[in-house]
Amino acid sequence: MTAMHRELVEVKRELVQFTALRNNLITRLDDAVARTQEAMSATGARAGSGPDPLVEARRDRDMGVVKSMLAEILESLGKR
């Protein structure tokens, strides 16, 4: 029982580390998108007709995060 408890503590620690890395990556991606938008605005660049690629990239990234979180929740529920 003690070994199982230690293993569970280790898994939780690894999950916290992974979540912190993922959150850091999301923050860095948001910063990169903001800088790119500012640079495009400063140069007067205009996107052609159609969806804005930066908006699409952010949406795709956000959907990936949501899917990952849902997978983690479902996996957690499946272990109970």
N, C-alpha and C. Protein backbone atom coordinates (compact mmCIF):
# COMPACT_ATOMS: atom_id res chain seq x y z
N MET A 1 0.83 -1.19 0.00
CA MET A 1 0.00 0.00 0.00
C MET A 1 0.87 1.25 0.00
N THR A 2 1.94 1.21 0.78
CA THR A 2 2.84 2.36 0.85
C THR A 2 3.51 2.60 -0.49
N ALA A 3 3.91 1.54 -1.17
CA ALA A 3 4.55 1.68 -2.48
C ALA A 3 3.57 2.29 -3.48
N MET A 4 2.33 1.87 -3.41
CA MET A 4 1.32 2.41 -4.32
C MET A 4 1.10 3.90 -4.04
N HIS A 5 1.09 4.26 -2.78
CA HIS A 5 0.93 5.67 -2.42
C HIS A 5 2.09 6.51 -2.94
N ARG A 6 3.32 6.01 -2.80
CA ARG A 6 4.50 6.72 -3.31
C ARG A 6 4.42 6.88 -4.83
N GLU A 7 3.98 5.83 -5.49
CA GLU A 7 3.86 5.89 -6.95
C GLU A 7 2.80 6.91 -7.36
N LEU A 8 1.70 6.96 -6.65
CA LEU A 8 0.66 7.94 -6.95
C LEU A 8 1.16 9.36 -6.73
N VAL A 9 1.92 9.58 -5.66
CA VAL A 9 2.50 10.90 -5.40
C VAL A 9 3.44 11.29 -6.54
N GLU A 10 4.23 10.35 -7.02
CA GLU A 10 5.16 10.61 -8.13
C GLU A 10 4.41 10.96 -9.41
N VAL A 11 3.33 10.24 -9.69
CA VAL A 11 2.54 10.52 -10.89
C VAL A 11 1.92 11.92 -10.79
N LYS A 12 1.41 12.27 -9.63
CA LYS A 12 0.83 13.60 -9.45
C LYS A 12 1.89 14.68 -9.62
N ARG A 13 3.10 14.45 -9.12
CA ARG A 13 4.19 15.42 -9.28
C ARG A 13 4.53 15.61 -10.75
N GLU A 14 4.61 14.50 -11.49
CA GLU A 14 4.90 14.59 -12.92
C GLU A 14 3.79 15.31 -13.67
N LEU A 15 2.55 15.08 -13.28
CA LEU A 15 1.43 15.76 -13.92
C LEU A 15 1.50 17.27 -13.67
N VAL A 16 1.86 17.67 -12.46
CA VAL A 16 2.01 19.09 -12.15
C VAL A 16 3.11 19.71 -13.00
N GLN A 17 4.23 19.00 -13.15
CA GLN A 17 5.32 19.50 -13.97
C GLN A 17 4.89 19.64 -15.43
N PHE A 18 4.19 18.65 -15.94
CA PHE A 18 3.71 18.69 -17.32
C PHE A 18 2.75 19.86 -17.51
N THR A 19 1.85 20.04 -16.57
CA THR A 19 0.88 21.13 -16.66
C THR A 19 1.58 22.48 -16.65
N ALA A 20 2.59 22.63 -15.82
CA ALA A 20 3.35 23.88 -15.78
C ALA A 20 4.05 24.14 -17.11
N LEU A 21 4.64 23.11 -17.69
CA LEU A 21 5.29 23.26 -18.99
C LEU A 21 4.27 23.65 -20.07
N ARG A 22 3.12 23.00 -20.05
CA ARG A 22 2.08 23.30 -21.03
C ARG A 22 1.60 24.74 -20.88
N ASN A 23 1.39 25.18 -19.64
CA ASN A 23 0.95 26.55 -19.41
C ASN A 23 2.00 27.56 -19.86
N ASN A 24 3.28 27.24 -19.63
CA ASN A 24 4.36 28.11 -20.07
C ASN A 24 4.37 28.21 -21.60
N LEU A 25 4.17 27.09 -22.26
CA LEU A 25 4.14 27.09 -23.72
C LEU A 25 2.97 27.92 -24.23
N ILE A 26 1.82 27.80 -23.61
CA ILE A 26 0.65 28.58 -24.03
C ILE A 26 0.94 30.07 -23.87
N THR A 27 1.56 30.46 -22.76
CA THR A 27 1.90 31.86 -22.54
C THR A 27 2.87 32.35 -23.61
N ARG A 28 3.87 31.55 -23.92
CA ARG A 28 4.85 31.94 -24.93
C ARG A 28 4.21 32.05 -26.31
N LEU A 29 3.28 31.14 -26.63
CA LEU A 29 2.58 31.23 -27.92
C LEU A 29 1.72 32.49 -27.99
N ASP A 30 1.04 32.82 -26.91
CA ASP A 30 0.23 34.04 -26.87
C ASP A 30 1.11 35.27 -27.08
N ASP A 31 2.27 35.29 -26.43
CA ASP A 31 3.20 36.41 -26.61
C ASP A 31 3.67 36.52 -28.05
N ALA A 32 3.98 35.39 -28.67
CA ALA A 32 4.44 35.40 -30.06
C ALA A 32 3.34 35.90 -30.99
N VAL A 33 2.11 35.48 -30.75
CA VAL A 33 0.99 35.94 -31.57
C VAL A 33 0.79 37.43 -31.40
N ALA A 34 0.86 37.92 -30.17
CA ALA A 34 0.69 39.35 -29.91
C ALA A 34 1.78 40.17 -30.60
N ARG A 35 3.04 39.71 -30.52
CA ARG A 35 4.14 40.43 -31.18
C ARG A 35 3.96 40.44 -32.69
N THR A 36 3.52 39.32 -33.25
CA THR A 36 3.30 39.24 -34.70
C THR A 36 2.19 40.18 -35.13
N GLN A 37 1.11 40.22 -34.36
CA GLN A 37 0.01 41.12 -34.69
C GLN A 37 0.46 42.57 -34.61
N GLU A 38 1.26 42.90 -33.58
CA GLU A 38 1.77 44.27 -33.46
C GLU A 38 2.66 44.62 -34.63
N ALA A 39 3.52 43.67 -35.03
CA ALA A 39 4.42 43.91 -36.16
C ALA A 39 3.64 44.10 -37.46
N MET A 40 2.59 43.30 -37.63
CA MET A 40 1.77 43.43 -38.84
C MET A 40 1.04 44.77 -38.85
N SER A 41 0.57 45.21 -37.70
CA SER A 41 -0.12 46.49 -37.60
C SER A 41 0.85 47.64 -37.87
N ALA A 42 2.06 47.53 -37.35
CA ALA A 42 3.06 48.60 -37.51
C ALA A 42 3.49 48.76 -38.97
N THR A 43 3.52 47.66 -39.70
CA THR A 43 3.94 47.73 -41.11
C THR A 43 2.77 47.97 -42.04
N GLY A 44 1.58 47.98 -41.50
CA GLY A 44 0.40 48.20 -42.32
C GLY A 44 0.00 46.98 -43.12
N ALA A 45 0.52 45.84 -42.74
CA ALA A 45 0.17 44.61 -43.45
C ALA A 45 -1.28 44.26 -43.20
N ARG A 46 -1.94 43.87 -44.23
CA ARG A 46 -3.34 43.46 -44.13
C ARG A 46 -3.48 42.05 -44.67
N ALA A 47 -4.21 41.27 -43.97
CA ALA A 47 -4.47 39.91 -44.44
C ALA A 47 -5.45 39.98 -45.60
N GLY A 48 -5.29 39.06 -46.52
CA GLY A 48 -6.21 39.01 -47.65
C GLY A 48 -7.58 38.55 -47.19
N SER A 49 -8.45 38.35 -48.14
CA SER A 49 -9.79 37.88 -47.77
C SER A 49 -9.66 36.48 -47.19
N GLY A 50 -10.55 36.17 -46.30
CA GLY A 50 -10.51 34.86 -45.65
C GLY A 50 -10.12 35.00 -44.19
N PRO A 51 -10.01 33.87 -43.53
CA PRO A 51 -9.72 33.90 -42.09
C PRO A 51 -8.29 34.38 -41.81
N ASP A 52 -8.14 35.02 -40.68
CA ASP A 52 -6.83 35.49 -40.23
C ASP A 52 -6.03 34.28 -39.75
N PRO A 53 -4.85 34.03 -40.31
CA PRO A 53 -4.09 32.83 -39.92
C PRO A 53 -3.68 32.84 -38.44
N LEU A 54 -3.47 34.01 -37.86
CA LEU A 54 -3.11 34.07 -36.44
C LEU A 54 -4.29 33.67 -35.56
N VAL A 55 -5.48 34.12 -35.95
CA VAL A 55 -6.67 33.74 -35.20
C VAL A 55 -6.92 32.24 -35.32
N GLU A 56 -6.72 31.72 -36.52
CA GLU A 56 -6.90 30.28 -36.74
C GLU A 56 -5.89 29.46 -35.92
N ALA A 57 -4.64 29.92 -35.88
CA ALA A 57 -3.61 29.20 -35.12
C ALA A 57 -3.95 29.21 -33.63
N ARG A 58 -4.41 30.34 -33.13
CA ARG A 58 -4.77 30.42 -31.70
C ARG A 58 -5.97 29.52 -31.41
N ARG A 59 -6.94 29.49 -32.30
CA ARG A 59 -8.12 28.62 -32.11
C ARG A 59 -7.70 27.16 -32.10
N ASP A 60 -6.84 26.79 -33.05
CA ASP A 60 -6.37 25.40 -33.10
C ASP A 60 -5.61 25.03 -31.84
N ARG A 61 -4.77 25.94 -31.35
CA ARG A 61 -4.03 25.69 -30.14
C ARG A 61 -4.97 25.52 -28.95
N ASP A 62 -5.96 26.41 -28.85
CA ASP A 62 -6.91 26.34 -27.74
C ASP A 62 -7.71 25.04 -27.78
N MET A 63 -8.10 24.61 -28.98
CA MET A 63 -8.84 23.36 -29.10
C MET A 63 -7.97 22.18 -28.67
N GLY A 64 -6.68 22.24 -29.00
CA GLY A 64 -5.77 21.18 -28.57
C GLY A 64 -5.67 21.11 -27.06
N VAL A 65 -5.63 22.28 -26.41
CA VAL A 65 -5.56 22.32 -24.95
C VAL A 65 -6.83 21.74 -24.34
N VAL A 66 -7.98 22.12 -24.90
CA VAL A 66 -9.25 21.60 -24.38
C VAL A 66 -9.32 20.09 -24.56
N LYS A 67 -8.92 19.59 -25.73
CA LYS A 67 -8.94 18.14 -25.95
C LYS A 67 -8.01 17.42 -24.98
N SER A 68 -6.84 18.00 -24.73
CA SER A 68 -5.90 17.40 -23.80
C SER A 68 -6.48 17.35 -22.40
N MET A 69 -7.11 18.44 -21.97
CA MET A 69 -7.70 18.48 -20.64
C MET A 69 -8.82 17.47 -20.52
N LEU A 70 -9.66 17.36 -21.55
CA LEU A 70 -10.75 16.38 -21.52
C LEU A 70 -10.21 14.96 -21.47
N ALA A 71 -9.13 14.70 -22.21
CA ALA A 71 -8.53 13.37 -22.19
C ALA A 71 -8.01 13.05 -20.79
N GLU A 72 -7.38 14.05 -20.13
CA GLU A 72 -6.89 13.83 -18.78
C GLU A 72 -8.03 13.55 -17.81
N ILE A 73 -9.13 14.26 -17.96
CA ILE A 73 -10.29 14.06 -17.09
C ILE A 73 -10.87 12.67 -17.31
N LEU A 74 -11.06 12.29 -18.58
CA LEU A 74 -11.61 10.98 -18.87
C LEU A 74 -10.70 9.86 -18.36
N GLU A 75 -9.39 10.04 -18.52
CA GLU A 75 -8.45 9.04 -18.03
C GLU A 75 -8.53 8.94 -16.51
N SER A 76 -8.65 10.07 -15.85
CA SER A 76 -8.74 10.07 -14.38
C SER A 76 -10.02 9.37 -13.94
N LEU A 77 -11.13 9.63 -14.63
CA LEU A 77 -12.39 8.99 -14.27
C LEU A 77 -12.35 7.50 -14.54
N GLY A 78 -11.63 7.10 -15.58
CA GLY A 78 -11.53 5.68 -15.92
C GLY A 78 -10.75 4.88 -14.91
N LYS A 79 -9.85 5.54 -14.17
CA LYS A 79 -9.02 4.85 -13.19
C LYS A 79 -9.74 4.62 -11.87
N ARG A 80 -10.86 5.24 -11.70
CA ARG A 80 -11.59 5.12 -10.42
C ARG A 80 -12.43 3.90 -10.37
